[in-house]
Structure formats: structure tokens, C-alpha cells
Amino acid sequence: MADVEDGEEPCVLSSHSGTAGSRSGADKMFSLKKWNAVAMWSWDVECDTCAICRVQVMDACLRCQAENKQEDCVGMC
């Protein structure tokens, strides 16, 4: 991943040379103020059940299933 310090790295695009109305190379076209990185992942396994508790990997844990919780939970085998 790219390192961004303080979220204010200037982004400079080079302009085409040759025209009288072109910008100089030092002018910034835009400045990056905020960076929100988004990622997705999934399990890449042939068997989608836990080897310890035999529950589907993407389902709620046994404790959350028993307590009928609706919010996200993290279980331990």
C-alpha cells in the first residue's frame, strides 16, 4: 500500500508543453485532502465449515446463534 502522511500529499499532473496558455509544471491541479481505503475479502478454502466446531465459516458462532443475537459477533471455537 502507498504511504500517505497526514492525508495531504499534493498530486501534480504534468501539463502538455508547447501552448502559450498551458500551466507551468509547479501549479497543482488538485490536492488530496482525505483518503478512505476500502477492501473486501473472502475465504479461499474448499470446505466452508469450521474444523473445530463444524459451523459454517460465514455464519454466526454457536454462542450468538443460541442467544439469537442480531448484531455482528465474533465467536471462539
N, C-alpha and C. Protein backbone atom coordinates (compact mmCIF):
# COMPACT_ATOMS: atom_id res chain seq x y z
N MET A 1 0.83 -1.18 0.00
CA MET A 1 0.00 0.00 0.00
C MET A 1 0.88 1.24 0.00
N ALA A 2 0.37 2.30 -0.52
CA ALA A 2 1.13 3.53 -0.59
C ALA A 2 1.06 4.25 0.75
N ASP A 3 2.16 4.86 1.14
CA ASP A 3 2.20 5.60 2.39
C ASP A 3 1.72 7.02 2.14
N VAL A 4 0.75 7.47 2.92
CA VAL A 4 0.24 8.83 2.82
C VAL A 4 0.34 9.43 4.21
N GLU A 5 1.14 10.47 4.36
CA GLU A 5 1.33 11.11 5.64
C GLU A 5 0.39 12.28 5.77
N ASP A 6 -0.34 12.33 6.87
CA ASP A 6 -1.26 13.41 7.21
C ASP A 6 -2.36 13.60 6.17
N GLY A 7 -2.47 12.75 5.18
CA GLY A 7 -3.55 12.84 4.21
C GLY A 7 -3.48 14.05 3.30
N GLU A 8 -2.34 14.73 3.22
CA GLU A 8 -2.25 15.94 2.42
C GLU A 8 -1.09 15.88 1.44
N GLU A 9 -0.90 14.75 0.79
CA GLU A 9 0.12 14.66 -0.24
C GLU A 9 -0.37 15.39 -1.49
N PRO A 10 0.38 16.35 -2.01
CA PRO A 10 -0.06 17.05 -3.21
C PRO A 10 0.06 16.16 -4.44
N CYS A 11 -0.93 16.24 -5.29
CA CYS A 11 -0.93 15.48 -6.54
C CYS A 11 -0.76 16.46 -7.69
N VAL A 12 0.30 16.33 -8.42
CA VAL A 12 0.60 17.24 -9.52
C VAL A 12 0.55 16.46 -10.82
N LEU A 13 -0.25 16.93 -11.75
CA LEU A 13 -0.31 16.33 -13.08
C LEU A 13 0.51 17.18 -14.02
N SER A 14 1.31 16.56 -14.84
CA SER A 14 2.14 17.32 -15.77
C SER A 14 1.28 17.82 -16.92
N SER A 15 1.52 19.05 -17.32
CA SER A 15 0.75 19.62 -18.43
C SER A 15 1.51 19.40 -19.73
N HIS A 16 0.78 19.46 -20.82
CA HIS A 16 1.41 19.30 -22.13
C HIS A 16 2.18 20.57 -22.48
N SER A 17 3.37 20.42 -23.03
CA SER A 17 4.18 21.59 -23.36
C SER A 17 3.86 22.06 -24.78
N GLY A 18 4.15 23.33 -25.03
CA GLY A 18 4.04 23.83 -26.39
C GLY A 18 3.04 24.95 -26.56
N THR A 19 1.96 25.00 -25.80
CA THR A 19 0.97 26.04 -26.00
C THR A 19 1.24 27.19 -25.04
N ALA A 20 0.85 28.39 -25.45
CA ALA A 20 1.10 29.57 -24.65
C ALA A 20 0.20 29.60 -23.42
N GLY A 21 -0.99 29.00 -23.50
CA GLY A 21 -1.92 29.03 -22.38
C GLY A 21 -1.74 27.87 -21.43
N SER A 22 -0.69 27.08 -21.61
CA SER A 22 -0.52 25.91 -20.73
C SER A 22 -0.01 26.35 -19.36
N ARG A 23 -0.33 25.55 -18.36
CA ARG A 23 0.11 25.85 -17.00
C ARG A 23 1.56 25.46 -16.82
N SER A 24 2.21 26.09 -15.87
CA SER A 24 3.58 25.68 -15.54
C SER A 24 3.53 24.39 -14.73
N GLY A 25 4.62 23.64 -14.69
CA GLY A 25 4.67 22.36 -14.01
C GLY A 25 4.50 22.45 -12.50
N ALA A 26 4.67 23.64 -11.90
CA ALA A 26 4.59 23.78 -10.45
C ALA A 26 3.16 23.97 -9.96
N ASP A 27 2.23 24.32 -10.83
CA ASP A 27 0.84 24.52 -10.41
C ASP A 27 0.18 23.18 -10.11
N LYS A 28 -0.54 23.13 -9.01
CA LYS A 28 -1.26 21.92 -8.65
C LYS A 28 -2.66 21.97 -9.24
N MET A 29 -3.05 20.90 -9.90
CA MET A 29 -4.42 20.83 -10.42
C MET A 29 -5.39 20.48 -9.30
N PHE A 30 -4.95 19.64 -8.36
CA PHE A 30 -5.77 19.30 -7.21
C PHE A 30 -4.88 18.82 -6.08
N SER A 31 -5.42 18.82 -4.88
CA SER A 31 -4.70 18.36 -3.70
C SER A 31 -5.56 17.32 -2.99
N LEU A 32 -4.97 16.22 -2.62
CA LEU A 32 -5.68 15.14 -1.95
C LEU A 32 -5.85 15.50 -0.48
N LYS A 33 -7.08 15.67 -0.03
CA LYS A 33 -7.36 16.08 1.35
C LYS A 33 -7.67 14.89 2.25
N LYS A 34 -8.36 13.88 1.72
CA LYS A 34 -8.78 12.76 2.55
C LYS A 34 -8.74 11.48 1.74
N TRP A 35 -8.35 10.38 2.37
CA TRP A 35 -8.24 9.09 1.69
C TRP A 35 -9.02 8.06 2.50
N ASN A 36 -10.02 7.44 1.89
CA ASN A 36 -10.78 6.37 2.53
C ASN A 36 -10.54 5.09 1.75
N ALA A 37 -9.75 4.20 2.29
CA ALA A 37 -9.45 2.94 1.62
C ALA A 37 -10.54 1.92 1.95
N VAL A 38 -10.95 1.16 0.94
CA VAL A 38 -11.99 0.15 1.11
C VAL A 38 -11.43 -1.16 0.59
N ALA A 39 -11.67 -2.23 1.32
CA ALA A 39 -11.18 -3.55 0.90
C ALA A 39 -12.26 -4.59 1.14
N MET A 40 -12.22 -5.64 0.34
CA MET A 40 -13.13 -6.76 0.51
C MET A 40 -12.30 -8.03 0.57
N TRP A 41 -12.77 -9.04 1.27
CA TRP A 41 -12.05 -10.29 1.35
C TRP A 41 -13.06 -11.42 1.46
N SER A 42 -12.58 -12.60 1.22
CA SER A 42 -13.40 -13.80 1.40
C SER A 42 -12.47 -14.98 1.66
N TRP A 43 -13.02 -16.04 2.21
CA TRP A 43 -12.25 -17.25 2.47
C TRP A 43 -12.01 -17.98 1.17
N ASP A 44 -10.81 -18.47 0.97
CA ASP A 44 -10.49 -19.24 -0.23
C ASP A 44 -10.14 -20.66 0.22
N VAL A 45 -11.16 -21.38 0.66
CA VAL A 45 -10.97 -22.75 1.13
C VAL A 45 -11.98 -23.65 0.43
N GLU A 46 -11.65 -24.91 0.35
CA GLU A 46 -12.56 -25.85 -0.29
C GLU A 46 -13.73 -26.20 0.62
N CYS A 47 -13.49 -26.26 1.91
CA CYS A 47 -14.52 -26.62 2.88
C CYS A 47 -14.92 -25.35 3.63
N ASP A 48 -16.21 -25.01 3.66
CA ASP A 48 -16.63 -23.78 4.30
C ASP A 48 -17.18 -24.00 5.71
N THR A 49 -16.81 -25.10 6.35
CA THR A 49 -17.19 -25.33 7.75
C THR A 49 -15.93 -25.31 8.62
N CYS A 50 -16.11 -24.86 9.85
CA CYS A 50 -15.00 -24.81 10.80
C CYS A 50 -14.60 -26.23 11.18
N ALA A 51 -13.31 -26.50 11.23
CA ALA A 51 -12.82 -27.83 11.56
C ALA A 51 -12.99 -28.15 13.03
N ILE A 52 -13.17 -27.15 13.88
CA ILE A 52 -13.30 -27.38 15.32
C ILE A 52 -14.77 -27.53 15.72
N CYS A 53 -15.60 -26.54 15.37
CA CYS A 53 -16.98 -26.56 15.86
C CYS A 53 -18.00 -26.97 14.79
N ARG A 54 -17.58 -27.18 13.57
CA ARG A 54 -18.44 -27.65 12.47
C ARG A 54 -19.58 -26.69 12.12
N VAL A 55 -19.36 -25.39 12.34
CA VAL A 55 -20.33 -24.37 11.96
C VAL A 55 -19.86 -23.73 10.67
N GLN A 56 -20.78 -23.27 9.83
CA GLN A 56 -20.41 -22.57 8.61
C GLN A 56 -19.51 -21.38 8.95
N VAL A 57 -18.45 -21.18 8.18
CA VAL A 57 -17.46 -20.15 8.48
C VAL A 57 -18.09 -18.75 8.44
N MET A 58 -18.98 -18.49 7.51
CA MET A 58 -19.56 -17.16 7.37
C MET A 58 -20.80 -16.95 8.24
N ASP A 59 -21.24 -17.96 9.01
CA ASP A 59 -22.39 -17.83 9.91
C ASP A 59 -21.94 -17.31 11.26
N ALA A 60 -22.92 -17.01 12.11
CA ALA A 60 -22.63 -16.58 13.47
C ALA A 60 -22.09 -17.76 14.28
N CYS A 61 -21.38 -17.44 15.34
CA CYS A 61 -20.82 -18.50 16.18
C CYS A 61 -21.95 -19.20 16.95
N LEU A 62 -21.62 -20.32 17.58
CA LEU A 62 -22.63 -21.10 18.30
C LEU A 62 -23.26 -20.31 19.44
N ARG A 63 -22.46 -19.53 20.17
CA ARG A 63 -23.00 -18.73 21.27
C ARG A 63 -23.99 -17.69 20.76
N CYS A 64 -23.66 -17.00 19.69
CA CYS A 64 -24.56 -15.98 19.15
C CYS A 64 -25.81 -16.62 18.54
N GLN A 65 -25.68 -17.79 17.97
CA GLN A 65 -26.85 -18.49 17.46
C GLN A 65 -27.77 -18.90 18.60
N ALA A 66 -27.20 -19.35 19.72
CA ALA A 66 -28.01 -19.77 20.87
C ALA A 66 -28.70 -18.59 21.53
N GLU A 67 -28.00 -17.45 21.61
CA GLU A 67 -28.57 -16.27 22.25
C GLU A 67 -29.44 -15.46 21.29
N ASN A 68 -29.47 -15.85 20.02
CA ASN A 68 -30.28 -15.20 18.98
C ASN A 68 -29.94 -13.71 18.85
N LYS A 69 -28.65 -13.39 18.82
CA LYS A 69 -28.20 -12.01 18.67
C LYS A 69 -28.35 -11.58 17.21
N GLN A 70 -28.73 -10.32 17.00
CA GLN A 70 -28.91 -9.78 15.66
C GLN A 70 -27.69 -9.00 15.18
N GLU A 71 -26.90 -8.44 16.10
CA GLU A 71 -25.73 -7.66 15.70
C GLU A 71 -24.56 -8.58 15.38
N ASP A 72 -23.51 -8.00 14.83
CA ASP A 72 -22.31 -8.78 14.49
C ASP A 72 -21.68 -9.34 15.75
N CYS A 73 -21.14 -10.53 15.62
CA CYS A 73 -20.48 -11.15 16.76
C CYS A 73 -19.21 -11.84 16.28
N VAL A 74 -18.30 -12.02 17.22
CA VAL A 74 -17.06 -12.75 16.95
C VAL A 74 -17.02 -13.89 17.94
N GLY A 75 -17.02 -15.10 17.45
CA GLY A 75 -17.04 -16.25 18.33
C GLY A 75 -15.70 -16.93 18.40
N MET A 76 -15.54 -17.76 19.39
CA MET A 76 -14.32 -18.54 19.55
C MET A 76 -14.70 -20.00 19.58
N CYS A 77 -13.93 -20.83 18.92
CA CYS A 77 -14.21 -22.26 18.90
C CYS A 77 -13.77 -22.89 20.21
